[in-house]
Amino acid sequence: MSQTTFLLISGLYVGLLFIIAHLTGRNKKASDFFLAGRKAPWYVVAFGMVGASLSGVTFISVPGMVGSADFTYLQMVMGFMAGYVFIMAVLLPLYYRLGLTSIYTYLQGRFG
């Protein structure tokens, strides 16, 4: 990589960091950051949670793992999906009703 290319990429990266800092600097509380100021519906947050936990590696490796393990790993994948549905349908609406940001805010309020 030439020095010009390195400087260009470094400059773009630093510029991007400044843009992100400017755009997100208005968020003062954790709920503003994690829940978009409580303006996002719970199902959007649920899909974001699932999307954040999955990666490109997951889409590539899990089908191979399921196929190579004679589909026994598929039970684990189905358990993950059931857990995601439970969190999406039960816990996230409860978090919204109670005004929670995470399970840790509930535990802090409950136990101190």
Protein backbone atom coordinates (compact mmCIF):
# COMPACT_ATOMS: atom_id res chain seq x y z
CA MET A 1 0.00 0.00 0.00
CA SER A 2 1.40 3.35 -0.95
CA GLN A 3 1.76 6.22 1.47
CA THR A 4 -0.88 8.24 -0.39
CA THR A 5 -3.41 5.41 -0.11
CA PHE A 6 -2.66 4.98 3.58
CA LEU A 7 -3.09 8.70 4.25
CA LEU A 8 -6.32 8.81 2.26
CA ILE A 9 -7.83 5.85 4.12
CA SER A 10 -6.66 7.23 7.48
CA GLY A 11 -8.11 10.65 6.69
CA LEU A 12 -11.45 9.18 5.65
CA TYR A 13 -11.56 7.08 8.82
CA VAL A 14 -10.84 10.06 11.08
CA GLY A 15 -13.40 12.14 9.17
CA LEU A 16 -15.99 9.41 9.63
CA LEU A 17 -15.28 9.33 13.37
CA PHE A 18 -15.87 13.10 13.59
CA ILE A 19 -19.15 12.80 11.67
CA ILE A 20 -20.33 10.01 13.97
CA ALA A 21 -19.31 12.00 17.07
CA HIS A 22 -21.23 15.02 15.78
CA LEU A 23 -24.38 13.07 14.95
CA THR A 24 -24.46 11.01 18.15
CA GLY A 25 -23.31 13.73 20.54
CA ARG A 26 -26.91 14.68 21.30
CA ASN A 27 -27.61 11.38 23.09
CA LYS A 28 -27.25 12.09 26.78
CA LYS A 29 -28.69 8.94 28.36
CA ALA A 30 -28.30 5.22 27.75
CA SER A 31 -31.96 4.96 26.78
CA ASP A 32 -31.48 7.63 24.12
CA PHE A 33 -28.65 5.64 22.61
CA PHE A 34 -29.95 2.09 23.00
CA LEU A 35 -33.66 2.73 22.43
CA ALA A 36 -33.53 5.71 20.06
CA GLY A 37 -35.05 7.99 22.69
CA ARG A 38 -37.88 5.46 23.13
CA LYS A 39 -39.28 6.47 19.76
CA ALA A 40 -38.60 3.12 18.07
CA PRO A 41 -41.33 0.49 18.37
CA TRP A 42 -40.41 -2.62 20.37
CA TYR A 43 -40.51 -4.88 17.31
CA VAL A 44 -37.91 -2.72 15.53
CA VAL A 45 -35.66 -3.03 18.57
CA ALA A 46 -36.28 -6.80 18.59
CA PHE A 47 -35.24 -7.20 14.96
CA GLY A 48 -32.21 -5.02 15.62
CA MET A 49 -31.25 -7.23 18.55
CA VAL A 50 -31.46 -10.37 16.42
CA GLY A 51 -29.57 -8.71 13.59
CA ALA A 52 -26.82 -7.57 15.92
CA SER A 53 -26.33 -11.06 17.30
CA LEU A 54 -26.03 -12.60 13.85
CA SER A 55 -23.09 -12.00 11.57
CA GLY A 56 -21.89 -12.94 8.13
CA VAL A 57 -19.91 -15.76 9.68
CA THR A 58 -23.13 -17.14 11.16
CA PHE A 59 -24.80 -17.28 7.75
CA ILE A 60 -21.81 -19.10 6.30
CA SER A 61 -20.84 -21.42 9.15
CA VAL A 62 -24.16 -22.59 10.62
CA PRO A 63 -25.50 -24.30 7.47
CA GLY A 64 -22.16 -26.10 7.09
CA MET A 65 -22.17 -27.11 10.74
CA VAL A 66 -25.74 -28.40 10.50
CA GLY A 67 -24.91 -30.41 7.38
CA SER A 68 -21.65 -31.84 8.71
CA ALA A 69 -23.13 -32.82 12.09
CA ASP A 70 -25.96 -34.85 10.52
CA PHE A 71 -28.46 -32.13 11.39
CA THR A 72 -28.00 -32.58 15.16
CA TYR A 73 -26.82 -28.96 15.46
CA LEU A 74 -30.15 -27.90 13.94
CA GLN A 75 -31.74 -28.49 17.35
CA MET A 76 -29.43 -25.85 18.80
CA VAL A 77 -30.31 -23.41 16.03
CA MET A 78 -34.03 -23.98 16.60
CA GLY A 79 -33.48 -23.36 20.32
CA PHE A 80 -31.80 -20.05 19.49
CA MET A 81 -34.75 -19.08 17.32
CA ALA A 82 -37.22 -20.01 20.07
CA GLY A 83 -35.22 -17.87 22.50
CA TYR A 84 -35.27 -14.92 20.10
CA VAL A 85 -39.04 -15.24 19.70
CA PHE A 86 -39.49 -15.38 23.49
CA ILE A 87 -37.36 -12.28 24.00
CA MET A 88 -39.10 -10.45 21.17
CA ALA A 89 -42.66 -11.36 22.21
CA VAL A 90 -42.38 -11.37 26.01
CA LEU A 91 -39.38 -9.49 27.36
CA LEU A 92 -39.12 -6.48 25.04
CA PRO A 93 -42.76 -5.39 25.43
CA LEU A 94 -42.28 -5.80 29.20
CA TYR A 95 -39.13 -3.67 29.09
CA TYR A 96 -41.05 -0.95 27.23
CA ARG A 97 -43.95 -1.06 29.70
CA LEU A 98 -41.62 -0.79 32.70
CA GLY A 99 -39.41 1.83 31.05
CA LEU A 100 -36.28 -0.35 31.24
CA THR A 101 -33.17 -0.15 29.13
CA SER A 102 -31.86 -3.62 29.98
CA ILE A 103 -32.22 -6.43 32.49
CA TYR A 104 -29.47 -4.76 34.50
CA THR A 105 -31.56 -1.63 35.07
CA TYR A 106 -34.35 -3.87 36.39
CA LEU A 107 -31.97 -5.70 38.72
CA GLN A 108 -30.52 -2.40 39.94
CA GLY A 109 -33.97 -1.05 40.77
CA ARG A 110 -35.07 -4.30 42.38
CA PHE A 111 -32.01 -5.15 44.45
CA GLY A 112 -30.11 -1.88 44.65
